[in-house]
């Protein structure tokens, strides 16, 4: 476990997240985190915001559009070089 730090659990079950983790994951006082068990570990995650999720979908759509544009260009190049595909009859 690289970068692990030990912390004491307070009387009410509270644990302070180290500043370097708060900074790295942009967690501030008042933010919500998700806590879950994963095997014999406790995992603390910062939930994905609606804005981050929307941005991820936008980037994914752009990637798909770029791929579609590239495939169209390759298909057009093949048509220009090979001509139209003949009609095949069964």
C-alpha atoms as a PDB file:
ATOM      1  CA  UNK A   1       0.000   0.000   0.000  1.00  0.00           C
ATOM      2  CA  UNK A   2       2.012   2.982  -1.173  1.00  0.00           C
ATOM      3  CA  UNK A   3       1.238   6.315   0.391  1.00  0.00           C
ATOM      4  CA  UNK A   4      -0.774   4.781   3.214  1.00  0.00           C
ATOM      5  CA  UNK A   5      -1.093   6.739   6.442  1.00  0.00           C
ATOM      6  CA  UNK A   6      -2.291   5.613   9.844  1.00  0.00           C
ATOM      7  CA  UNK A   7      -4.961   7.601  11.654  1.00  0.00           C
ATOM      8  CA  UNK A   8      -6.655   7.131  14.999  1.00  0.00           C
ATOM      9  CA  UNK A   9     -10.402   6.696  15.098  1.00  0.00           C
ATOM     10  CA  UNK A  10     -12.065   9.133  17.495  1.00  0.00           C
ATOM     11  CA  UNK A  11     -14.597   8.189  20.174  1.00  0.00           C
ATOM     12  CA  UNK A  12     -17.479   8.855  17.779  1.00  0.00           C
ATOM     13  CA  UNK A  13     -15.932   6.871  14.894  1.00  0.00           C
ATOM     14  CA  UNK A  14     -14.516   9.936  13.138  1.00  0.00           C
ATOM     15  CA  UNK A  15     -11.331   9.856  11.082  1.00  0.00           C
ATOM     16  CA  UNK A  16      -9.612  12.905   9.599  1.00  0.00           C
ATOM     17  CA  UNK A  17      -8.555  12.508   5.971  1.00  0.00           C
ATOM     18  CA  UNK A  18      -4.922  13.542   5.469  1.00  0.00           C
ATOM     19  CA  UNK A  19      -4.541  16.939   3.778  1.00  0.00           C
ATOM     20  CA  UNK A  20      -2.613  15.501   0.847  1.00  0.00           C
ATOM     21  CA  UNK A  21      -5.555  13.211   0.031  1.00  0.00           C
ATOM     22  CA  UNK A  22      -8.070  16.030   0.466  1.00  0.00           C
ATOM     23  CA  UNK A  23      -6.000  18.157  -1.908  1.00  0.00           C
ATOM     24  CA  UNK A  24      -5.416  15.362  -4.417  1.00  0.00           C
ATOM     25  CA  UNK A  25      -9.112  14.467  -4.612  1.00  0.00           C
ATOM     26  CA  UNK A  26     -10.405  18.020  -4.138  1.00  0.00           C
ATOM     27  CA  UNK A  27     -12.348  17.165  -0.984  1.00  0.00           C
ATOM     28  CA  UNK A  28     -13.327  20.096   1.226  1.00  0.00           C
ATOM     29  CA  UNK A  29     -15.171  20.400   4.513  1.00  0.00           C
ATOM     30  CA  UNK A  30     -18.868  19.825   3.927  1.00  0.00           C
ATOM     31  CA  UNK A  31     -18.350  17.663   0.823  1.00  0.00           C
ATOM     32  CA  UNK A  32     -20.017  14.285   0.748  1.00  0.00           C
ATOM     33  CA  UNK A  33     -18.044  11.073   0.289  1.00  0.00           C
ATOM     34  CA  UNK A  34     -19.186   7.528  -0.343  1.00  0.00           C
ATOM     35  CA  UNK A  35     -18.018   4.847   2.080  1.00  0.00           C
ATOM     36  CA  UNK A  36     -18.327   1.148   1.287  1.00  0.00           C
ATOM     37  CA  UNK A  37     -16.833  -2.174   2.241  1.00  0.00           C
ATOM     38  CA  UNK A  38     -14.748  -3.940  -0.387  1.00  0.00           C
ATOM     39  CA  UNK A  39     -13.706  -7.315   0.928  1.00  0.00           C
ATOM     40  CA  UNK A  40     -11.804  -6.614   4.132  1.00  0.00           C
ATOM     41  CA  UNK A  41     -11.215  -2.947   3.211  1.00  0.00           C
ATOM     42  CA  UNK A  42     -13.121   0.266   3.776  1.00  0.00           C
ATOM     43  CA  UNK A  43     -13.139   2.445   0.645  1.00  0.00           C
ATOM     44  CA  UNK A  44     -13.830   6.184   0.754  1.00  0.00           C
ATOM     45  CA  UNK A  45     -14.648   7.808  -2.595  1.00  0.00           C
ATOM     46  CA  UNK A  46     -15.611  11.255  -3.718  1.00  0.00           C
ATOM     47  CA  UNK A  47     -18.848  10.882  -5.679  1.00  0.00           C
ATOM     48  CA  UNK A  48     -18.810  11.948  -9.322  1.00  0.00           C
ATOM     49  CA  UNK A  49     -20.608  15.246  -9.787  1.00  0.00           C
ATOM     50  CA  UNK A  50     -23.294  15.686 -12.431  1.00  0.00           C
ATOM     51  CA  UNK A  51     -20.989  18.121 -14.215  1.00  0.00           C
ATOM     52  CA  UNK A  52     -18.090  15.627 -14.262  1.00  0.00           C
ATOM     53  CA  UNK A  53     -20.394  12.886 -15.492  1.00  0.00           C
ATOM     54  CA  UNK A  54     -21.824  15.118 -18.233  1.00  0.00           C
ATOM     55  CA  UNK A  55     -18.298  16.123 -19.307  1.00  0.00           C
ATOM     56  CA  UNK A  56     -17.320  12.453 -19.499  1.00  0.00           C
ATOM     57  CA  UNK A  57     -20.304  11.737 -21.749  1.00  0.00           C
ATOM     58  CA  UNK A  58     -19.441  14.751 -23.937  1.00  0.00           C
ATOM     59  CA  UNK A  59     -15.843  13.558 -24.355  1.00  0.00           C
ATOM     60  CA  UNK A  60     -17.053  10.040 -25.159  1.00  0.00           C
ATOM     61  CA  UNK A  61     -19.496  11.385 -27.784  1.00  0.00           C
ATOM     62  CA  UNK A  62     -16.686  13.433 -29.358  1.00  0.00           C
ATOM     63  CA  UNK A  63     -14.478  10.331 -29.515  1.00  0.00           C
ATOM     64  CA  UNK A  64     -17.274   8.378 -31.204  1.00  0.00           C
ATOM     65  CA  UNK A  65     -17.841  11.208 -33.675  1.00  0.00           C
ATOM     66  CA  UNK A  66     -14.108  11.413 -34.448  1.00  0.00           C
ATOM     67  CA  UNK A  67     -14.060   7.671 -35.100  1.00  0.00           C
ATOM     68  CA  UNK A  68     -17.161   7.870 -37.315  1.00  0.00           C
ATOM     69  CA  UNK A  69     -15.589  10.735 -39.292  1.00  0.00           C
ATOM     70  CA  UNK A  70     -12.372   8.757 -39.722  1.00  0.00           C
ATOM     71  CA  UNK A  71     -14.278   5.677 -40.907  1.00  0.00           C
ATOM     72  CA  UNK A  72     -16.273   7.786 -43.376  1.00  0.00           C
ATOM     73  CA  UNK A  73     -13.025   9.188 -44.785  1.00  0.00           C
ATOM     74  CA  UNK A  74     -11.487   5.717 -45.102  1.00  0.00           C
ATOM     75  CA  UNK A  75     -14.649   4.397 -46.736  1.00  0.00           C
ATOM     76  CA  UNK A  76     -14.664   7.286 -49.209  1.00  0.00           C
ATOM     77  CA  UNK A  77     -10.979   6.697 -49.973  1.00  0.00           C
ATOM     78  CA  UNK A  78     -11.698   3.018 -50.637  1.00  0.00           C
ATOM     79  CA  UNK A  79     -14.632   3.930 -52.903  1.00  0.00           C
ATOM     80  CA  UNK A  80     -12.437   6.389 -54.813  1.00  0.00           C
ATOM     81  CA  UNK A  81      -9.684   3.806 -55.229  1.00  0.00           C
ATOM     82  CA  UNK A  82     -11.745   0.663 -55.821  1.00  0.00           C
ATOM     83  CA  UNK A  83     -14.983   2.066 -57.169  1.00  0.00           C
ATOM     84  CA  UNK A  84     -18.418   1.079 -56.031  1.00  0.00           C
ATOM     85  CA  UNK A  85     -18.980  -2.411 -54.743  1.00  0.00           C
ATOM     86  CA  UNK A  86     -20.752  -4.475 -57.420  1.00  0.00           C
ATOM     87  CA  UNK A  87     -24.190  -5.808 -56.706  1.00  0.00           C
ATOM     88  CA  UNK A  88     -23.843  -9.387 -55.574  1.00  0.00           C
ATOM     89  CA  UNK A  89     -26.770 -11.597 -56.260  1.00  0.00           C
ATOM     90  CA  UNK A  90     -27.249 -14.782 -54.343  1.00  0.00           C
END
